């Protein structure tokens, strides 16, 4: 399924393993494209099972062929906990991905876990602005927000993305690049998160959803039923392409 008007492509695969294989190729192809065009590849990670979904990048042929030295890695959201805490998205990514590929440590941008939620959000935004000023991060010609090359995102059962939850006031934040949340409905409560203007300034976004947990949210987001209130995931509209990677289980209600 493809909708060229809003550059949305929906791919359904037989198994989660097939999703992982396709996602690795998609990411590696974009890595090669941007490394050649810009000399760097800016990648945004999320938490949950997303890190497991990119595991094929740590295996041949990609582990030896991707230009890892060009990668700059960020997080779309992070829990305000120490980097070695079980709830840390950084720890999840390090254990499952970053420790297995040779991305230079100075090009992995974790939040400052010594700061408060508000302080960490402000600090992360400062880091992003410096990288835009130095040309590592591109800038959207549409709105001036940072333009990441690829965001690898997942979705919660309630349709949330990043730490932007249904009905929360932060859905409407349109000035800050990075903000903080003190009352996340999903623990831990204190987090930092990219805002929708930054998410939607991305060139490419891969939305990865597998398994039974998000079946209803997938149907609400992609099915034919009109919802009077958009799920947060339905607000995701990158500048170039939004590509959904679904397994048959996650897409089961779409295929009824």
C-alpha atoms as a PDB file:
ATOM      1  CA  UNK A   1       0.000   0.000   0.000  1.00  0.00           C
ATOM      2  CA  UNK A   2       1.324   3.431  -0.896  1.00  0.00           C
ATOM      3  CA  UNK A   3      -0.066   6.934  -0.630  1.00  0.00           C
ATOM      4  CA  UNK A   4       2.067   9.255  -2.711  1.00  0.00           C
ATOM      5  CA  UNK A   5       0.196  12.344  -1.545  1.00  0.00           C
ATOM      6  CA  UNK A   6       1.694  12.157   1.904  1.00  0.00           C
ATOM      7  CA  UNK A   7       4.612   9.917   0.908  1.00  0.00           C
ATOM      8  CA  UNK A   8       3.409   7.025   3.034  1.00  0.00           C
ATOM      9  CA  UNK A   9       4.286   3.431   2.158  1.00  0.00           C
ATOM     10  CA  UNK A  10       2.946   0.460   4.118  1.00  0.00           C
ATOM     11  CA  UNK A  11       4.808  -2.839   3.853  1.00  0.00           C
ATOM     12  CA  UNK A  12       3.457  -6.013   5.460  1.00  0.00           C
ATOM     13  CA  UNK A  13       5.812  -8.961   5.919  1.00  0.00           C
ATOM     14  CA  UNK A  14       5.057 -12.564   6.809  1.00  0.00           C
ATOM     15  CA  UNK A  15       7.187 -12.615   9.952  1.00  0.00           C
ATOM     16  CA  UNK A  16       9.128 -10.362  12.314  1.00  0.00           C
ATOM     17  CA  UNK A  17      12.297 -11.933  10.918  1.00  0.00           C
ATOM     18  CA  UNK A  18      11.314 -10.692   7.458  1.00  0.00           C
ATOM     19  CA  UNK A  19      10.735  -7.223   8.885  1.00  0.00           C
ATOM     20  CA  UNK A  20      14.215  -7.238  10.420  1.00  0.00           C
ATOM     21  CA  UNK A  21      15.830  -8.309   7.140  1.00  0.00           C
ATOM     22  CA  UNK A  22      14.020  -5.627   5.123  1.00  0.00           C
ATOM     23  CA  UNK A  23      14.612  -2.905   7.710  1.00  0.00           C
ATOM     24  CA  UNK A  24      18.354  -3.585   7.694  1.00  0.00           C
ATOM     25  CA  UNK A  25      18.530  -3.226   3.909  1.00  0.00           C
ATOM     26  CA  UNK A  26      16.404  -0.065   3.994  1.00  0.00           C
ATOM     27  CA  UNK A  27      18.651   1.498   6.635  1.00  0.00           C
ATOM     28  CA  UNK A  28      21.876   0.440   4.941  1.00  0.00           C
ATOM     29  CA  UNK A  29      20.697   1.828   1.584  1.00  0.00           C
ATOM     30  CA  UNK A  30      19.860   5.188   3.164  1.00  0.00           C
ATOM     31  CA  UNK A  31      23.191   5.160   4.999  1.00  0.00           C
ATOM     32  CA  UNK A  32      25.004   4.775   1.686  1.00  0.00           C
ATOM     33  CA  UNK A  33      22.878   7.475   0.052  1.00  0.00           C
ATOM     34  CA  UNK A  34      23.472  10.131   2.702  1.00  0.00           C
ATOM     35  CA  UNK A  35      27.116   9.235   3.327  1.00  0.00           C
ATOM     36  CA  UNK A  36      27.723   9.878  -0.360  1.00  0.00           C
ATOM     37  CA  UNK A  37      25.551  13.014  -0.604  1.00  0.00           C
ATOM     38  CA  UNK A  38      26.363  14.700   2.701  1.00  0.00           C
ATOM     39  CA  UNK A  39      29.352  12.908   4.182  1.00  0.00           C
ATOM     40  CA  UNK A  40      27.341  11.918   7.247  1.00  0.00           C
ATOM     41  CA  UNK A  41      24.258   9.909   8.169  1.00  0.00           C
ATOM     42  CA  UNK A  42      22.122  11.141  11.054  1.00  0.00           C
ATOM     43  CA  UNK A  43      20.040   8.387  12.611  1.00  0.00           C
ATOM     44  CA  UNK A  44      17.482   8.661  15.396  1.00  0.00           C
ATOM     45  CA  UNK A  45      16.669   5.621  17.533  1.00  0.00           C
ATOM     46  CA  UNK A  46      13.752   4.906  19.832  1.00  0.00           C
ATOM     47  CA  UNK A  47      13.254   2.322  22.560  1.00  0.00           C
ATOM     48  CA  UNK A  48      11.082  -0.748  22.912  1.00  0.00           C
ATOM     49  CA  UNK A  49      11.615  -3.569  20.444  1.00  0.00           C
ATOM     50  CA  UNK A  50      13.029  -1.227  17.779  1.00  0.00           C
ATOM     51  CA  UNK A  51      16.609  -2.063  18.753  1.00  0.00           C
ATOM     52  CA  UNK A  52      15.944  -5.769  18.328  1.00  0.00           C
ATOM     53  CA  UNK A  53      14.367  -5.010  14.945  1.00  0.00           C
ATOM     54  CA  UNK A  54      17.659  -3.559  13.605  1.00  0.00           C
ATOM     55  CA  UNK A  55      19.750  -6.533  14.787  1.00  0.00           C
ATOM     56  CA  UNK A  56      20.505  -7.617  11.200  1.00  0.00           C
ATOM     57  CA  UNK A  57      22.702  -4.525  10.796  1.00  0.00           C
ATOM     58  CA  UNK A  58      25.130  -6.111  13.267  1.00  0.00           C
ATOM     59  CA  UNK A  59      25.528  -9.170  11.018  1.00  0.00           C
ATOM     60  CA  UNK A  60      27.085  -9.766   7.581  1.00  0.00           C
ATOM     61  CA  UNK A  61      26.939  -8.254   5.052  1.00  0.00           C
ATOM     62  CA  UNK A  62      26.037  -4.981   6.768  1.00  0.00           C
ATOM     63  CA  UNK A  63      28.392  -5.040   9.737  1.00  0.00           C
ATOM     64  CA  UNK A  64      31.332  -5.030   7.297  1.00  0.00           C
ATOM     65  CA  UNK A  65      29.907  -2.914   4.468  1.00  0.00           C
ATOM     66  CA  UNK A  66      28.073   0.006   6.139  1.00  0.00           C
ATOM     67  CA  UNK A  67      30.186   3.155   6.556  1.00  0.00           C
ATOM     68  CA  UNK A  68      29.774   3.261  10.324  1.00  0.00           C
ATOM     69  CA  UNK A  69      32.249   6.135  10.633  1.00  0.00           C
ATOM     70  CA  UNK A  70      29.668   8.389   8.943  1.00  0.00           C
ATOM     71  CA  UNK A  71      26.904   7.614  11.445  1.00  0.00           C
ATOM     72  CA  UNK A  72      25.706  10.110  14.047  1.00  0.00           C
ATOM     73  CA  UNK A  73      23.211   8.559  16.457  1.00  0.00           C
ATOM     74  CA  UNK A  74      20.481  10.288  18.478  1.00  0.00           C
ATOM     75  CA  UNK A  75      17.419   9.350  20.500  1.00  0.00           C
ATOM     76  CA  UNK A  76      13.873  10.539  19.754  1.00  0.00           C
ATOM     77  CA  UNK A  77      13.143  10.251  23.466  1.00  0.00           C
ATOM     78  CA  UNK A  78      14.864   9.096  26.603  1.00  0.00           C
ATOM     79  CA  UNK A  79      13.950   8.256  30.154  1.00  0.00           C
ATOM     80  CA  UNK A  80      15.603  10.494  32.749  1.00  0.00           C
ATOM     81  CA  UNK A  81      17.546   7.704  34.445  1.00  0.00           C
ATOM     82  CA  UNK A  82      21.265   6.822  34.620  1.00  0.00           C
ATOM     83  CA  UNK A  83      22.728   5.383  31.396  1.00  0.00           C
ATOM     84  CA  UNK A  84      23.251   2.019  33.089  1.00  0.00           C
ATOM     85  CA  UNK A  85      19.649   1.808  34.327  1.00  0.00           C
ATOM     86  CA  UNK A  86      17.385  -0.938  33.001  1.00  0.00           C
ATOM     87  CA  UNK A  87      14.900   1.707  31.754  1.00  0.00           C
ATOM     88  CA  UNK A  88      17.513   3.642  29.751  1.00  0.00           C
ATOM     89  CA  UNK A  89      16.980   3.715  25.999  1.00  0.00           C
ATOM     90  CA  UNK A  90      20.716   4.366  25.671  1.00  0.00           C
ATOM     91  CA  UNK A  91      21.545   1.155  27.547  1.00  0.00           C
ATOM     92  CA  UNK A  92      19.061  -0.782  25.419  1.00  0.00           C
ATOM     93  CA  UNK A  93      20.651   0.548  22.227  1.00  0.00           C
ATOM     94  CA  UNK A  94      24.203   0.061  23.495  1.00  0.00           C
ATOM     95  CA  UNK A  95      23.682  -3.530  24.593  1.00  0.00           C
ATOM     96  CA  UNK A  96      21.746  -4.600  21.497  1.00  0.00           C
ATOM     97  CA  UNK A  97      23.313  -2.513  18.731  1.00  0.00           C
ATOM     98  CA  UNK A  98      25.939   0.138  19.422  1.00  0.00           C
ATOM     99  CA  UNK A  99      28.370  -2.209  21.158  1.00  0.00           C
ATOM    100  CA  UNK A 100      28.361  -4.423  18.046  1.00  0.00           C
ATOM    101  CA  UNK A 101      29.159  -1.854  15.342  1.00  0.00           C
ATOM    102  CA  UNK A 102      32.131   0.557  15.068  1.00  0.00           C
ATOM    103  CA  UNK A 103      30.351   3.910  15.266  1.00  0.00           C
ATOM    104  CA  UNK A 104      32.790   6.456  16.788  1.00  0.00           C
ATOM    105  CA  UNK A 105      31.849   7.086  20.426  1.00  0.00           C
ATOM    106  CA  UNK A 106      31.941  10.837  19.904  1.00  0.00           C
ATOM    107  CA  UNK A 107      29.180  10.507  17.306  1.00  0.00           C
ATOM    108  CA  UNK A 108      26.716   8.880  19.706  1.00  0.00           C
ATOM    109  CA  UNK A 109      24.697  11.593  21.435  1.00  0.00           C
ATOM    110  CA  UNK A 110      23.153  10.356  24.664  1.00  0.00           C
ATOM    111  CA  UNK A 111      21.392  12.721  27.046  1.00  0.00           C
ATOM    112  CA  UNK A 112      23.273  14.102  30.053  1.00  0.00           C
ATOM    113  CA  UNK A 113      21.959  11.815  32.767  1.00  0.00           C
ATOM    114  CA  UNK A 114      23.317  14.062  35.522  1.00  0.00           C
ATOM    115  CA  UNK A 115      20.729  16.756  34.785  1.00  0.00           C
ATOM    116  CA  UNK A 116      17.062  17.177  35.636  1.00  0.00           C
ATOM    117  CA  UNK A 117      14.473  16.393  32.967  1.00  0.00           C
ATOM    118  CA  UNK A 118      14.172  20.056  32.032  1.00  0.00           C
ATOM    119  CA  UNK A 119      17.928  20.547  32.091  1.00  0.00           C
ATOM    120  CA  UNK A 120      18.565  17.437  30.025  1.00  0.00           C
ATOM    121  CA  UNK A 121      16.057  18.558  27.379  1.00  0.00           C
ATOM    122  CA  UNK A 122      17.640  22.019  27.146  1.00  0.00           C
ATOM    123  CA  UNK A 123      21.125  20.502  26.979  1.00  0.00           C
ATOM    124  CA  UNK A 124      20.136  18.069  24.225  1.00  0.00           C
ATOM    125  CA  UNK A 125      18.593  20.897  22.203  1.00  0.00           C
ATOM    126  CA  UNK A 126      21.847  22.857  22.591  1.00  0.00           C
ATOM    127  CA  UNK A 127      23.791  19.863  21.260  1.00  0.00           C
ATOM    128  CA  UNK A 128      21.480  19.633  18.240  1.00  0.00           C
ATOM    129  CA  UNK A 129      21.800  23.360  17.502  1.00  0.00           C
ATOM    130  CA  UNK A 130      25.587  23.094  17.582  1.00  0.00           C
ATOM    131  CA  UNK A 131      25.494  20.173  15.133  1.00  0.00           C
ATOM    132  CA  UNK A 132      23.221  22.149  12.796  1.00  0.00           C
ATOM    133  CA  UNK A 133      25.597  25.130  13.023  1.00  0.00           C
ATOM    134  CA  UNK A 134      28.594  22.925  12.181  1.00  0.00           C
ATOM    135  CA  UNK A 135      26.817  21.194   9.290  1.00  0.00           C
ATOM    136  CA  UNK A 136      26.690  17.696  10.778  1.00  0.00           C
ATOM    137  CA  UNK A 137      22.912  17.922  11.016  1.00  0.00           C
ATOM    138  CA  UNK A 138      20.992  19.220   8.032  1.00  0.00           C
ATOM    139  CA  UNK A 139      18.380  21.934   8.436  1.00  0.00           C
ATOM    140  CA  UNK A 140      14.903  21.813   6.969  1.00  0.00           C
ATOM    141  CA  UNK A 141      14.436  24.340   4.179  1.00  0.00           C
ATOM    142  CA  UNK A 142      10.740  24.369   5.057  1.00  0.00           C
ATOM    143  CA  UNK A 143      10.837  25.454   8.700  1.00  0.00           C
ATOM    144  CA  UNK A 144      14.414  25.657   9.957  1.00  0.00           C
ATOM    145  CA  UNK A 145      14.114  22.688  12.312  1.00  0.00           C
ATOM    146  CA  UNK A 146      16.875  20.054  12.271  1.00  0.00           C
ATOM    147  CA  UNK A 147      16.413  17.559   9.462  1.00  0.00           C
ATOM    148  CA  UNK A 148      17.516  14.074  10.461  1.00  0.00           C
ATOM    149  CA  UNK A 149      18.196  11.644   7.649  1.00  0.00           C
ATOM    150  CA  UNK A 150      16.350   8.682   9.192  1.00  0.00           C
ATOM    151  CA  UNK A 151      14.255   8.121  12.282  1.00  0.00           C
ATOM    152  CA  UNK A 152      13.657   4.523  13.359  1.00  0.00           C
ATOM    153  CA  UNK A 153      10.489   4.612  15.407  1.00  0.00           C
ATOM    154  CA  UNK A 154       8.100   2.269  17.129  1.00  0.00           C
ATOM    155  CA  UNK A 155       4.582   2.835  18.384  1.00  0.00           C
ATOM    156  CA  UNK A 156       2.836   2.028  21.649  1.00  0.00           C
ATOM    157  CA  UNK A 157      -0.510   0.257  22.016  1.00  0.00           C
ATOM    158  CA  UNK A 158      -2.140   3.673  22.565  1.00  0.00           C
ATOM    159  CA  UNK A 159      -0.631   5.043  19.335  1.00  0.00           C
ATOM    160  CA  UNK A 160       2.039   7.125  21.065  1.00  0.00           C
ATOM    161  CA  UNK A 161       5.380   7.817  19.418  1.00  0.00           C
ATOM    162  CA  UNK A 162       8.499   9.114  21.142  1.00  0.00           C
ATOM    163  CA  UNK A 163       7.141  10.315  24.498  1.00  0.00           C
ATOM    164  CA  UNK A 164       4.192  12.096  22.890  1.00  0.00           C
ATOM    165  CA  UNK A 165       1.065  10.529  24.320  1.00  0.00           C
ATOM    166  CA  UNK A 166      -2.633  10.808  23.370  1.00  0.00           C
ATOM    167  CA  UNK A 167      -4.296  13.893  24.804  1.00  0.00           C
ATOM    168  CA  UNK A 168      -1.086  15.319  26.258  1.00  0.00           C
ATOM    169  CA  UNK A 169      -0.373  19.079  25.888  1.00  0.00           C
ATOM    170  CA  UNK A 170       3.094  18.337  24.450  1.00  0.00           C
ATOM    171  CA  UNK A 171       1.421  17.185  21.238  1.00  0.00           C
ATOM    172  CA  UNK A 172       0.958  20.865  20.425  1.00  0.00           C
ATOM    173  CA  UNK A 173       4.503  22.059  21.255  1.00  0.00           C
ATOM    174  CA  UNK A 174       5.764  23.710  18.084  1.00  0.00           C
ATOM    175  CA  UNK A 175       8.656  25.932  19.173  1.00  0.00           C
ATOM    176  CA  UNK A 176      11.061  23.762  21.142  1.00  0.00           C
ATOM    177  CA  UNK A 177      13.149  21.117  19.422  1.00  0.00           C
ATOM    178  CA  UNK A 178      13.404  18.991  22.548  1.00  0.00           C
ATOM    179  CA  UNK A 179      11.138  19.173  25.560  1.00  0.00           C
ATOM    180  CA  UNK A 180      10.582  17.298  28.801  1.00  0.00           C
ATOM    181  CA  UNK A 181       7.664  15.451  30.298  1.00  0.00           C
ATOM    182  CA  UNK A 182       7.187  14.924  34.023  1.00  0.00           C
ATOM    183  CA  UNK A 183       3.967  12.898  33.937  1.00  0.00           C
ATOM    184  CA  UNK A 184       4.391  10.192  31.324  1.00  0.00           C
ATOM    185  CA  UNK A 185       1.404   7.822  31.571  1.00  0.00           C
ATOM    186  CA  UNK A 186       3.890   5.022  30.940  1.00  0.00           C
ATOM    187  CA  UNK A 187       6.640   4.715  33.577  1.00  0.00           C
ATOM    188  CA  UNK A 188       9.171   6.069  34.224  1.00  0.00           C
ATOM    189  CA  UNK A 189       7.336   9.416  34.374  1.00  0.00           C
ATOM    190  CA  UNK A 190      10.248  11.795  33.674  1.00  0.00           C
ATOM    191  CA  UNK A 191      11.510  11.858  30.082  1.00  0.00           C
ATOM    192  CA  UNK A 192      12.807  14.085  27.348  1.00  0.00           C
ATOM    193  CA  UNK A 193      11.376  13.912  23.837  1.00  0.00           C
ATOM    194  CA  UNK A 194      11.699  15.416  20.392  1.00  0.00           C
ATOM    195  CA  UNK A 195       8.682  17.490  19.432  1.00  0.00           C
ATOM    196  CA  UNK A 196       6.526  16.893  16.370  1.00  0.00           C
ATOM    197  CA  UNK A 197       8.084  19.701  14.292  1.00  0.00           C
ATOM    198  CA  UNK A 198      11.477  17.969  14.651  1.00  0.00           C
ATOM    199  CA  UNK A 199      10.067  14.496  14.019  1.00  0.00           C
ATOM    200  CA  UNK A 200       8.262  15.710  10.917  1.00  0.00           C
ATOM    201  CA  UNK A 201      11.282  17.579   9.571  1.00  0.00           C
ATOM    202  CA  UNK A 202      13.035  14.227   9.111  1.00  0.00           C
ATOM    203  CA  UNK A 203      13.773  13.104   5.585  1.00  0.00           C
ATOM    204  CA  UNK A 204      12.760   9.477   6.179  1.00  0.00           C
ATOM    205  CA  UNK A 205      10.937   7.721   8.990  1.00  0.00           C
ATOM    206  CA  UNK A 206      10.626   3.966   9.422  1.00  0.00           C
ATOM    207  CA  UNK A 207       7.700   3.000  11.658  1.00  0.00           C
ATOM    208  CA  UNK A 208       8.310  -0.537  12.899  1.00  0.00           C
ATOM    209  CA  UNK A 209       5.449  -2.469  14.489  1.00  0.00           C
ATOM    210  CA  UNK A 210       5.432  -6.223  15.057  1.00  0.00           C
ATOM    211  CA  UNK A 211       3.395  -8.610  17.148  1.00  0.00           C
ATOM    212  CA  UNK A 212      -0.064  -8.480  18.711  1.00  0.00           C
ATOM    213  CA  UNK A 213       0.345  -5.601  21.151  1.00  0.00           C
ATOM    214  CA  UNK A 214      -0.403  -2.766  18.719  1.00  0.00           C
ATOM    215  CA  UNK A 215      -2.964  -4.445  16.437  1.00  0.00           C
ATOM    216  CA  UNK A 216      -5.766  -2.031  17.334  1.00  0.00           C
ATOM    217  CA  UNK A 217      -3.540   1.040  17.070  1.00  0.00           C
ATOM    218  CA  UNK A 218      -2.289  -0.079  13.654  1.00  0.00           C
ATOM    219  CA  UNK A 219      -5.883  -0.475  12.483  1.00  0.00           C
ATOM    220  CA  UNK A 220      -6.873   2.950  13.832  1.00  0.00           C
ATOM    221  CA  UNK A 221      -3.857   4.558  12.196  1.00  0.00           C
ATOM    222  CA  UNK A 222      -4.004   2.832   8.817  1.00  0.00           C
ATOM    223  CA  UNK A 223      -7.500   1.387   8.471  1.00  0.00           C
ATOM    224  CA  UNK A 224     -10.405   2.898   6.609  1.00  0.00           C
ATOM    225  CA  UNK A 225     -12.304   4.029   9.703  1.00  0.00           C
ATOM    226  CA  UNK A 226     -12.185   7.772  10.293  1.00  0.00           C
ATOM    227  CA  UNK A 227     -11.166   8.713  13.819  1.00  0.00           C
ATOM    228  CA  UNK A 228     -12.401  12.053  15.154  1.00  0.00           C
ATOM    229  CA  UNK A 229      -9.230  12.365  17.253  1.00  0.00           C
ATOM    230  CA  UNK A 230      -5.910  11.539  15.620  1.00  0.00           C
ATOM    231  CA  UNK A 231      -3.563   9.166  17.370  1.00  0.00           C
ATOM    232  CA  UNK A 232      -0.103  10.682  17.888  1.00  0.00           C
ATOM    233  CA  UNK A 233       1.308   8.295  15.279  1.00  0.00           C
ATOM    234  CA  UNK A 234      -1.113   9.729  12.707  1.00  0.00           C
ATOM    235  CA  UNK A 235       0.603  13.092  13.094  1.00  0.00           C
ATOM    236  CA  UNK A 236       3.870  11.676  11.785  1.00  0.00           C
ATOM    237  CA  UNK A 237       4.527  13.167   8.318  1.00  0.00           C
ATOM    238  CA  UNK A 238       8.241  13.354   7.367  1.00  0.00           C
ATOM    239  CA  UNK A 239       9.439  15.442   4.448  1.00  0.00           C
ATOM    240  CA  UNK A 240      10.413  12.572   2.132  1.00  0.00           C
ATOM    241  CA  UNK A 241       8.882   9.239   3.154  1.00  0.00           C
ATOM    242  CA  UNK A 242       7.096   7.467   5.987  1.00  0.00           C
ATOM    243  CA  UNK A 243       7.497   3.718   5.582  1.00  0.00           C
ATOM    244  CA  UNK A 244       5.624   1.320   7.825  1.00  0.00           C
ATOM    245  CA  UNK A 245       7.266  -2.054   8.485  1.00  0.00           C
ATOM    246  CA  UNK A 246       4.580  -4.417   9.792  1.00  0.00           C
ATOM    247  CA  UNK A 247       4.446  -8.149  10.320  1.00  0.00           C
ATOM    248  CA  UNK A 248       1.236 -10.025   9.505  1.00  0.00           C
ATOM    249  CA  UNK A 249       0.263 -10.191  13.151  1.00  0.00           C
ATOM    250  CA  UNK A 250       0.421  -6.406  13.653  1.00  0.00           C
ATOM    251  CA  UNK A 251      -1.440  -5.864  10.385  1.00  0.00           C
ATOM    252  CA  UNK A 252      -4.029  -8.592  10.984  1.00  0.00           C
ATOM    253  CA  UNK A 253      -7.009  -6.243  11.363  1.00  0.00           C
ATOM    254  CA  UNK A 254      -6.058  -4.401   8.165  1.00  0.00           C
ATOM    255  CA  UNK A 255      -6.308  -7.634   6.241  1.00  0.00           C
ATOM    256  CA  UNK A 256      -9.683  -8.775   7.535  1.00  0.00           C
END
